[in-house]
C-alpha atoms as a PDB file:
ATOM      1  CA  MET A   1     -16.783  39.687  14.672  1.00  0.00           C
ATOM      2  CA  SER A   2     -20.248  39.199  12.943  1.00  0.00           C
ATOM      3  CA  ARG A   3     -23.009  37.015  13.287  1.00  0.00           C
ATOM      4  CA  ASP A   4     -21.963  34.631  10.323  1.00  0.00           C
ATOM      5  CA  ASP A   5     -18.751  34.501  11.024  1.00  0.00           C
ATOM      6  CA  VAL A   6     -19.342  32.676  14.217  1.00  0.00           C
ATOM      7  CA  GLU A   7     -22.184  30.482  12.268  1.00  0.00           C
ATOM      8  CA  ARG A   8     -20.037  29.635   9.320  1.00  0.00           C
ATOM      9  CA  LEU A   9     -17.214  28.736  12.388  1.00  0.00           C
ATOM     10  CA  VAL A  10     -19.780  26.356  13.974  1.00  0.00           C
ATOM     11  CA  ARG A  11     -20.112  24.392  11.046  1.00  0.00           C
ATOM     12  CA  ILE A  12     -16.642  24.289  10.448  1.00  0.00           C
ATOM     13  CA  GLU A  13     -15.923  23.024  13.551  1.00  0.00           C
ATOM     14  CA  ALA A  14     -19.191  20.486  13.355  1.00  0.00           C
ATOM     15  CA  LYS A  15     -16.945  19.324   9.928  1.00  0.00           C
ATOM     16  CA  LEU A  16     -14.559  18.973  11.803  1.00  0.00           C
ATOM     17  CA  ASP A  17     -15.645  16.666  14.001  1.00  0.00           C
ATOM     18  CA  ASP A  18     -17.858  14.602  11.511  1.00  0.00           C
ATOM     19  CA  LEU A  19     -14.456  14.326   9.983  1.00  0.00           C
ATOM     20  CA  LEU A  20     -12.174  13.207  13.522  1.00  0.00           C
ATOM     21  CA  ILE A  21     -15.472  10.764  14.082  1.00  0.00           C
ATOM     22  CA  ARG A  22     -15.450   9.019  10.557  1.00  0.00           C
ATOM     23  CA  GLN A  23     -11.227   9.216  10.295  1.00  0.00           C
ATOM     24  CA  THR A  24     -11.597   7.263  13.731  1.00  0.00           C
ATOM     25  CA  GLU A  25     -14.237   5.026  12.968  1.00  0.00           C
ATOM     26  CA  ASP A  26     -12.160   4.688   9.774  1.00  0.00           C
ATOM     27  CA  ARG A  27      -8.456   3.349  11.792  1.00  0.00           C
ATOM     28  CA  THR A  28     -10.919   0.938  13.846  1.00  0.00           C
ATOM     29  CA  ASP A  29     -11.844  -0.693  10.969  1.00  0.00           C
ATOM     30  CA  HIS A  30      -9.027  -0.864   9.641  1.00  0.00           C
ATOM     31  CA  GLY A  31      -7.399  -2.304  12.924  1.00  0.00           C
ATOM     32  CA  THR A  32     -10.410  -4.707  12.870  1.00  0.00           C
ATOM     33  CA  ASP A  33      -9.416  -6.168   8.499  1.00  0.00           C
ATOM     34  CA  VAL A  34      -5.945  -6.025   9.486  1.00  0.00           C
ATOM     35  CA  ARG A  35      -6.848  -8.418  12.393  1.00  0.00           C
ATOM     36  CA  GLN A  36      -8.397 -10.742  10.719  1.00  0.00           C
ATOM     37  CA  LEU A  37      -6.823 -10.876   7.621  1.00  0.00           C
ATOM     38  CA  GLN A  38      -3.554 -12.422  10.428  1.00  0.00           C
ATOM     39  CA  GLY A  39      -5.962 -14.599  11.240  1.00  0.00           C
ATOM     40  CA  GLU A  40      -6.300 -15.492   7.932  1.00  0.00           C
ATOM     41  CA  ILE A  41      -2.984 -15.793   7.173  1.00  0.00           C
ATOM     42  CA  GLU A  42      -1.749 -18.130  10.262  1.00  0.00           C
ATOM     43  CA  THR A  43      -4.928 -20.573   8.892  1.00  0.00           C
ATOM     44  CA  THR A  44      -2.776 -21.049   5.036  1.00  0.00           C
ATOM     45  CA  GLU A  45       0.024 -21.157   6.699  1.00  0.00           C
ATOM     46  CA  GLN A  46      -0.885 -24.107   8.621  1.00  0.00           C
ATOM     47  CA  ARG A  47      -2.725 -25.630   6.295  1.00  0.00           C
ATOM     48  CA  VAL A  48       0.801 -25.679   3.506  1.00  0.00           C
ATOM     49  CA  GLY A  49       2.084 -27.010   6.125  1.00  0.00           C
ATOM     50  CA  SER A  50       0.546 -30.363   6.901  1.00  0.00           C
ATOM     51  CA  LEU A  51      -0.142 -30.451   2.752  1.00  0.00           C
ATOM     52  CA  GLU A  52       3.881 -30.881   3.419  1.00  0.00           C
ATOM     53  CA  ASN A  53       3.607 -32.803   5.876  1.00  0.00           C
ATOM     54  CA  TRP A  54       1.156 -34.512   3.876  1.00  0.00           C
ATOM     55  CA  ARG A  55       3.393 -34.261   0.597  1.00  0.00           C
ATOM     56  CA  TYR A  56       6.685 -35.377   1.983  1.00  0.00           C
ATOM     57  CA  ALA A  57       4.265 -38.876   3.994  1.00  0.00           C
ATOM     58  CA  ILE A  58       3.018 -39.883   0.059  1.00  0.00           C
ATOM     59  CA  VAL A  59       6.806 -39.672  -1.527  1.00  0.00           C
ATOM     60  CA  ALA A  60       7.990 -41.436   1.561  1.00  0.00           C
ATOM     61  CA  ALA A  61       5.323 -44.138   0.897  1.00  0.00           C
ATOM     62  CA  LEU A  62       5.529 -44.298  -1.931  1.00  0.00           C
ATOM     63  CA  LEU A  63       9.196 -45.331  -1.468  1.00  0.00           C
ATOM     64  CA  MET A  64       8.848 -47.483   1.027  1.00  0.00           C
ATOM     65  CA  SER A  65       5.837 -49.827  -1.488  1.00  0.00           C
ATOM     66  CA  ALA A  66       8.438 -49.523  -5.211  1.00  0.00           C
ATOM     67  CA  GLY A  67      10.936 -51.114  -2.392  1.00  0.00           C
ATOM     68  CA  GLY A  68       8.390 -53.567  -1.159  1.00  0.00           C
ATOM     69  CA  THR A  69       8.029 -53.701  -4.409  1.00  0.00           C
ATOM     70  CA  VAL A  70      11.880 -54.316  -6.316  1.00  0.00           C
ATOM     71  CA  ALA A  71      12.550 -57.248  -3.343  1.00  0.00           C
ATOM     72  CA  ALA A  72       9.702 -59.463  -3.762  1.00  0.00           C
ATOM     73  CA  ALA A  73      10.392 -59.122  -7.964  1.00  0.00           C
ATOM     74  CA  VAL A  74      14.078 -59.938  -6.635  1.00  0.00           C
ATOM     75  CA  ASN A  75      12.423 -62.919  -3.815  1.00  0.00           C
ATOM     76  CA  VAL A  76      10.793 -63.982  -6.265  1.00  0.00           C
ATOM     77  CA  ALA A  77      12.526 -64.231  -9.946  1.00  0.00           C
ATOM     78  CA  PRO A  78      15.007 -67.449 -10.375  1.00  0.00           C
ATOM     79  CA  LYS A  79      18.548 -67.358  -9.225  1.00  0.00           C
END
């Protein structure tokens, strides 16, 4: 093996090491991104659940209010 071959192999090895380091960093970054997204999804699901509960509560309150109005109108109307 000549000196040029050895130097070329050393450069190739260095490039492969750099690529491996970058790939490991990319995987770590990807894992962090996925965990952050999962946290945001959970928060969004909680908010949606809370909004759905409010929607039902508002409808129930409107129905109760309408029922009270109808009952008052029936009581006020002459018989």
